Amino acid sequence: MHILIIEDDRELCEALTLQLCTRNYTVDCCHTGSEALYHAMSNSYDLILLDRMLPEIDGLSILHSI
């Protein structure tokens, strides 16, 4: 399963990534809205964990764009 984590808190993102990778998931991380939108539109993900309050573009705008 390929997962995209969109979270501006880098420590939380790291912790989530570590836990998911130990369970054999493939994980990509983004920390800004524009970076997240690029990844979400450029790749195919089975699951996206999306923070609502992000720098540059908020999570709801990213969701609408996807």
PDB file of N, CA and C in Angstrom:
ATOM      1  N   MET A   1       0.836  -1.169   0.000  1.00  0.00           N
ATOM      2  CA  MET A   1       0.000   0.000   0.000  1.00  0.00           C
ATOM      3  C   MET A   1       0.887   1.239   0.000  1.00  0.00           C
ATOM      4  N   HIS A   2       0.556   2.196  -0.832  1.00  0.00           N
ATOM      5  CA  HIS A   2       1.321   3.433  -0.986  1.00  0.00           C
ATOM      6  C   HIS A   2       0.544   4.565  -0.295  1.00  0.00           C
ATOM      7  N   ILE A   3       1.182   5.209   0.690  1.00  0.00           N
ATOM      8  CA  ILE A   3       0.526   6.209   1.523  1.00  0.00           C
ATOM      9  C   ILE A   3       1.251   7.547   1.395  1.00  0.00           C
ATOM     10  N   LEU A   4       0.472   8.619   1.304  1.00  0.00           N
ATOM     11  CA  LEU A   4       1.017   9.975   1.329  1.00  0.00           C
ATOM     12  C   LEU A   4       0.587  10.630   2.633  1.00  0.00           C
ATOM     13  N   ILE A   5       1.570  11.084   3.408  1.00  0.00           N
ATOM     14  CA  ILE A   5       1.291  11.817   4.637  1.00  0.00           C
ATOM     15  C   ILE A   5       1.556  13.290   4.360  1.00  0.00           C
ATOM     16  N   ILE A   6       0.540  14.118   4.570  1.00  0.00           N
ATOM     17  CA  ILE A   6       0.661  15.554   4.384  1.00  0.00           C
ATOM     18  C   ILE A   6       0.512  16.185   5.766  1.00  0.00           C
ATOM     19  N   GLU A   7       1.636  16.560   6.344  1.00  0.00           N
ATOM     20  CA  GLU A   7       1.671  17.043   7.732  1.00  0.00           C
ATOM     21  C   GLU A   7       2.820  18.021   7.886  1.00  0.00           C
ATOM     22  N   ASP A   8       2.533  19.228   8.395  1.00  0.00           N
ATOM     23  CA  ASP A   8       3.594  20.223   8.548  1.00  0.00           C
ATOM     24  C   ASP A   8       4.417  20.034   9.823  1.00  0.00           C
ATOM     25  N   ASP A   9       3.936  19.256  10.761  1.00  0.00           N
ATOM     26  CA  ASP A   9       4.709  18.933  11.972  1.00  0.00           C
ATOM     27  C   ASP A   9       5.679  17.807  11.604  1.00  0.00           C
ATOM     28  N   ARG A  10       6.935  18.157  11.427  1.00  0.00           N
ATOM     29  CA  ARG A  10       7.925  17.192  10.932  1.00  0.00           C
ATOM     30  C   ARG A  10       8.136  16.016  11.884  1.00  0.00           C
ATOM     31  N   GLU A  11       8.098  16.257  13.184  1.00  0.00           N
ATOM     32  CA  GLU A  11       8.285  15.164  14.148  1.00  0.00           C
ATOM     33  C   GLU A  11       7.130  14.171  14.081  1.00  0.00           C
ATOM     34  N   LEU A  12       5.905  14.666  13.975  1.00  0.00           N
ATOM     35  CA  LEU A  12       4.743  13.793  13.851  1.00  0.00           C
ATOM     36  C   LEU A  12       4.813  13.005  12.552  1.00  0.00           C
ATOM     37  N   CYS A  13       5.190  13.667  11.479  1.00  0.00           N
ATOM     38  CA  CYS A  13       5.316  13.006  10.180  1.00  0.00           C
ATOM     39  C   CYS A  13       6.361  11.895  10.231  1.00  0.00           C
ATOM     40  N   GLU A  14       7.482  12.177  10.874  1.00  0.00           N
ATOM     41  CA  GLU A  14       8.536  11.175  11.023  1.00  0.00           C
ATOM     42  C   GLU A  14       8.057   9.963  11.817  1.00  0.00           C
ATOM     43  N   ALA A  15       7.340  10.224  12.914  1.00  0.00           N
ATOM     44  CA  ALA A  15       6.836   9.138  13.761  1.00  0.00           C
ATOM     45  C   ALA A  15       5.828   8.276  13.005  1.00  0.00           C
ATOM     46  N   LEU A  16       4.916   8.913  12.274  1.00  0.00           N
ATOM     47  CA  LEU A  16       3.941   8.164  11.482  1.00  0.00           C
ATOM     48  C   LEU A  16       4.635   7.341  10.394  1.00  0.00           C
ATOM     49  N   THR A  17       5.592   7.951   9.730  1.00  0.00           N
ATOM     50  CA  THR A  17       6.330   7.255   8.671  1.00  0.00           C
ATOM     51  C   THR A  17       7.052   6.032   9.221  1.00  0.00           C
ATOM     52  N   LEU A  18       7.720   6.197  10.336  1.00  0.00           N
ATOM     53  CA  LEU A  18       8.438   5.084  10.958  1.00  0.00           C
ATOM     54  C   LEU A  18       7.490   3.932  11.282  1.00  0.00           C
ATOM     55  N   GLN A  19       6.360   4.248  11.897  1.00  0.00           N
ATOM     56  CA  GLN A  19       5.402   3.204  12.271  1.00  0.00           C
ATOM     57  C   GLN A  19       4.831   2.495  11.043  1.00  0.00           C
ATOM     58  N   LEU A  20       4.516   3.253  10.011  1.00  0.00           N
ATOM     59  CA  LEU A  20       3.946   2.641   8.810  1.00  0.00           C
ATOM     60  C   LEU A  20       4.977   1.830   8.033  1.00  0.00           C
ATOM     61  N   CYS A  21       6.207   2.328   7.965  1.00  0.00           N
ATOM     62  CA  CYS A  21       7.266   1.598   7.252  1.00  0.00           C
ATOM     63  C   CYS A  21       7.600   0.279   7.939  1.00  0.00           C
ATOM     64  N   THR A  22       7.536   0.240   9.269  1.00  0.00           N
ATOM     65  CA  THR A  22       7.807  -1.021   9.971  1.00  0.00           C
ATOM     66  C   THR A  22       6.714  -2.053   9.698  1.00  0.00           C
ATOM     67  N   ARG A  23       5.575  -1.587   9.197  1.00  0.00           N
ATOM     68  CA  ARG A  23       4.491  -2.487   8.822  1.00  0.00           C
ATOM     69  C   ARG A  23       4.446  -2.715   7.307  1.00  0.00           C
ATOM     70  N   ASN A  24       5.565  -2.409   6.660  1.00  0.00           N
ATOM     71  CA  ASN A  24       5.776  -2.663   5.227  1.00  0.00           C
ATOM     72  C   ASN A  24       4.910  -1.834   4.286  1.00  0.00           C
ATOM     73  N   TYR A  25       4.520  -0.627   4.708  1.00  0.00           N
ATOM     74  CA  TYR A  25       3.839   0.298   3.820  1.00  0.00           C
ATOM     75  C   TYR A  25       4.888   1.189   3.159  1.00  0.00           C
ATOM     76  N   THR A  26       4.608   1.644   1.956  1.00  0.00           N
ATOM     77  CA  THR A  26       5.447   2.617   1.275  1.00  0.00           C
ATOM     78  C   THR A  26       4.875   3.993   1.598  1.00  0.00           C
ATOM     79  N   VAL A  27       5.727   4.883   2.105  1.00  0.00           N
ATOM     80  CA  VAL A  27       5.243   6.173   2.598  1.00  0.00           C
ATOM     81  C   VAL A  27       6.022   7.324   1.972  1.00  0.00           C
ATOM     82  N   ASP A  28       5.277   8.334   1.505  1.00  0.00           N
ATOM     83  CA  ASP A  28       5.853   9.609   1.078  1.00  0.00           C
ATOM     84  C   ASP A  28       5.333  10.664   2.049  1.00  0.00           C
ATOM     85  N   CYS A  29       6.166  11.679   2.318  1.00  0.00           N
ATOM     86  CA  CYS A  29       5.806  12.754   3.240  1.00  0.00           C
ATOM     87  C   CYS A  29       5.900  14.103   2.551  1.00  0.00           C
ATOM     88  N   CYS A  30       4.971  14.993   2.880  1.00  0.00           N
ATOM     89  CA  CYS A  30       4.995  16.380   2.423  1.00  0.00           C
ATOM     90  C   CYS A  30       4.750  17.276   3.623  1.00  0.00           C
ATOM     91  N   HIS A  31       5.336  18.488   3.576  1.00  0.00           N
ATOM     92  CA  HIS A  31       5.211  19.396   4.712  1.00  0.00           C
ATOM     93  C   HIS A  31       4.560  20.726   4.366  1.00  0.00           C
ATOM     94  N   THR A  32       4.328  20.983   3.089  1.00  0.00           N
ATOM     95  CA  THR A  32       3.648  22.216   2.679  1.00  0.00           C
ATOM     96  C   THR A  32       2.512  21.865   1.722  1.00  0.00           C
ATOM     97  N   GLY A  33       1.579  22.782   1.603  1.00  0.00           N
ATOM     98  CA  GLY A  33       0.441  22.548   0.735  1.00  0.00           C
ATOM     99  C   GLY A  33       0.806  22.392  -0.726  1.00  0.00           C
ATOM    100  N   SER A  34       1.718  23.237  -1.214  1.00  0.00           N
ATOM    101  CA  SER A  34       2.089  23.155  -2.631  1.00  0.00           C
ATOM    102  C   SER A  34       2.831  21.858  -2.937  1.00  0.00           C
ATOM    103  N   GLU A  35       3.692  21.437  -2.031  1.00  0.00           N
ATOM    104  CA  GLU A  35       4.404  20.168  -2.196  1.00  0.00           C
ATOM    105  C   GLU A  35       3.409  19.001  -2.187  1.00  0.00           C
ATOM    106  N   ALA A  36       2.445  19.073  -1.307  1.00  0.00           N
ATOM    107  CA  ALA A  36       1.436  18.023  -1.192  1.00  0.00           C
ATOM    108  C   ALA A  36       0.593  17.923  -2.456  1.00  0.00           C
ATOM    109  N   LEU A  37       0.185  19.059  -2.971  1.00  0.00           N
ATOM    110  CA  LEU A  37      -0.622  19.067  -4.188  1.00  0.00           C
ATOM    111  C   LEU A  37       0.151  18.471  -5.358  1.00  0.00           C
ATOM    112  N   TYR A  38       1.430  18.802  -5.454  1.00  0.00           N
ATOM    113  CA  TYR A  38       2.277  18.236  -6.504  1.00  0.00           C
ATOM    114  C   TYR A  38       2.331  16.710  -6.395  1.00  0.00           C
ATOM    115  N   HIS A  39       2.616  16.191  -5.193  1.00  0.00           N
ATOM    116  CA  HIS A  39       2.711  14.737  -5.006  1.00  0.00           C
ATOM    117  C   HIS A  39       1.365  14.049  -5.261  1.00  0.00           C
ATOM    118  N   ALA A  40       0.299  14.616  -4.744  1.00  0.00           N
ATOM    119  CA  ALA A  40      -1.026  14.003  -4.891  1.00  0.00           C
ATOM    120  C   ALA A  40      -1.452  13.929  -6.354  1.00  0.00           C
ATOM    121  N   MET A  41      -1.073  14.927  -7.143  1.00  0.00           N
ATOM    122  CA  MET A  41      -1.473  14.941  -8.548  1.00  0.00           C
ATOM    123  C   MET A  41      -0.508  14.160  -9.441  1.00  0.00           C
ATOM    124  N   SER A  42       0.716  13.923  -8.963  1.00  0.00           N
ATOM    125  CA  SER A  42       1.742  13.264  -9.779  1.00  0.00           C
ATOM    126  C   SER A  42       1.837  11.762  -9.557  1.00  0.00           C
ATOM    127  N   ASN A  43       1.302  11.273  -8.446  1.00  0.00           N
ATOM    128  CA  ASN A  43       1.444   9.860  -8.098  1.00  0.00           C
ATOM    129  C   ASN A  43       0.089   9.250  -7.769  1.00  0.00           C
ATOM    130  N   SER A  44       0.077   7.948  -7.702  1.00  0.00           N
ATOM    131  CA  SER A  44      -1.133   7.232  -7.317  1.00  0.00           C
ATOM    132  C   SER A  44      -0.952   6.712  -5.889  1.00  0.00           C
ATOM    133  N   TYR A  45      -1.862   7.081  -4.997  1.00  0.00           N
ATOM    134  CA  TYR A  45      -1.794   6.662  -3.594  1.00  0.00           C
ATOM    135  C   TYR A  45      -3.038   5.887  -3.220  1.00  0.00           C
ATOM    136  N   ASP A  46      -2.835   4.905  -2.350  1.00  0.00           N
ATOM    137  CA  ASP A  46      -3.959   4.141  -1.821  1.00  0.00           C
ATOM    138  C   ASP A  46      -4.636   4.883  -0.670  1.00  0.00           C
ATOM    139  N   LEU A  47      -3.847   5.712   0.016  1.00  0.00           N
ATOM    140  CA  LEU A  47      -4.352   6.447   1.174  1.00  0.00           C
ATOM    141  C   LEU A  47      -3.580   7.754   1.302  1.00  0.00           C
ATOM    142  N   ILE A  48      -4.307   8.830   1.603  1.00  0.00           N
ATOM    143  CA  ILE A  48      -3.677  10.122   1.878  1.00  0.00           C
ATOM    144  C   ILE A  48      -4.126  10.572   3.257  1.00  0.00           C
ATOM    145  N   LEU A  49      -3.150  10.794   4.145  1.00  0.00           N
ATOM    146  CA  LEU A  49      -3.422  11.359   5.468  1.00  0.00           C
ATOM    147  C   LEU A  49      -3.163  12.849   5.353  1.00  0.00           C
ATOM    148  N   LEU A  50      -4.213  13.660   5.478  1.00  0.00           N
ATOM    149  CA  LEU A  50      -4.143  15.078   5.138  1.00  0.00           C
ATOM    150  C   LEU A  50      -4.431  15.958   6.346  1.00  0.00           C
ATOM    151  N   ASP A  51      -3.464  16.801   6.684  1.00  0.00           N
ATOM    152  CA  ASP A  51      -3.639  17.819   7.723  1.00  0.00           C
ATOM    153  C   ASP A  51      -4.445  18.970   7.129  1.00  0.00           C
ATOM    154  N   ARG A  52      -5.344  19.552   7.909  1.00  0.00           N
ATOM    155  CA  ARG A  52      -6.152  20.661   7.387  1.00  0.00           C
ATOM    156  C   ARG A  52      -5.411  21.981   7.395  1.00  0.00           C
ATOM    157  N   MET A  53      -4.576  22.214   8.397  1.00  0.00           N
ATOM    158  CA  MET A  53      -3.897  23.507   8.521  1.00  0.00           C
ATOM    159  C   MET A  53      -2.442  23.360   8.084  1.00  0.00           C
ATOM    160  N   LEU A  54      -2.174  23.773   6.852  1.00  0.00           N
ATOM    161  CA  LEU A  54      -0.844  23.657   6.252  1.00  0.00           C
ATOM    162  C   LEU A  54      -0.353  25.013   5.780  1.00  0.00           C
ATOM    163  N   PRO A  55       0.964  25.190   5.693  1.00  0.00           N
ATOM    164  CA  PRO A  55       1.478  26.414   5.084  1.00  0.00           C
ATOM    165  C   PRO A  55       1.205  26.418   3.574  1.00  0.00           C
ATOM    166  N   GLU A  56       1.002  27.591   3.025  1.00  0.00           N
ATOM    167  CA  GLU A  56       0.817  27.851   1.589  1.00  0.00           C
ATOM    168  C   GLU A  56      -0.594  27.531   1.108  1.00  0.00           C
ATOM    169  N   ILE A  57      -1.006  26.287   1.167  1.00  0.00           N
ATOM    170  CA  ILE A  57      -2.350  25.881   0.720  1.00  0.00           C
ATOM    171  C   ILE A  57      -2.946  25.014   1.825  1.00  0.00           C
ATOM    172  N   ASP A  58      -4.178  25.325   2.258  1.00  0.00           N
ATOM    173  CA  ASP A  58      -4.769  24.542   3.340  1.00  0.00           C
ATOM    174  C   ASP A  58      -5.273  23.186   2.830  1.00  0.00           C
ATOM    175  N   GLY A  59      -5.464  22.270   3.762  1.00  0.00           N
ATOM    176  CA  GLY A  59      -5.841  20.901   3.434  1.00  0.00           C
ATOM    177  C   GLY A  59      -7.151  20.780   2.663  1.00  0.00           C
ATOM    178  N   LEU A  60      -8.143  21.588   2.998  1.00  0.00           N
ATOM    179  CA  LEU A  60      -9.427  21.511   2.288  1.00  0.00           C
ATOM    180  C   LEU A  60      -9.280  21.934   0.835  1.00  0.00           C
ATOM    181  N   SER A  61      -8.449  22.917   0.559  1.00  0.00           N
ATOM    182  CA  SER A  61      -8.214  23.335  -0.832  1.00  0.00           C
ATOM    183  C   SER A  61      -7.498  22.230  -1.609  1.00  0.00           C
ATOM    184  N   ILE A  62      -6.574  21.549  -0.953  1.00  0.00           N
ATOM    185  CA  ILE A  62      -5.897  20.419  -1.592  1.00  0.00           C
ATOM    186  C   ILE A  62      -6.902  19.319  -1.904  1.00  0.00           C
ATOM    187  N   LEU A  63      -7.768  19.024  -0.954  1.00  0.00           N
ATOM    188  CA  LEU A  63      -8.789  18.004  -1.156  1.00  0.00           C
ATOM    189  C   LEU A  63      -9.699  18.339  -2.331  1.00  0.00           C
ATOM    190  N   HIS A  64     -10.120  19.588  -2.438  1.00  0.00           N
ATOM    191  CA  HIS A  64     -10.960  20.007  -3.556  1.00  0.00           C
ATOM    192  C   HIS A  64     -10.228  19.895  -4.887  1.00  0.00           C
ATOM    193  N   SER A  65      -8.938  20.200  -4.881  1.00  0.00           N
ATOM    194  CA  SER A  65      -8.142  20.129  -6.121  1.00  0.00           C
ATOM    195  C   SER A  65      -7.936  18.693  -6.592  1.00  0.00           C
ATOM    196  N   ILE A  66      -7.793  17.793  -5.633  1.00  0.00           N
ATOM    197  CA  ILE A  66      -7.596  16.381  -5.989  1.00  0.00           C
ATOM    198  C   ILE A  66      -8.880  15.834  -6.589  1.00  0.00           C
TER     199      ILE A  66
END
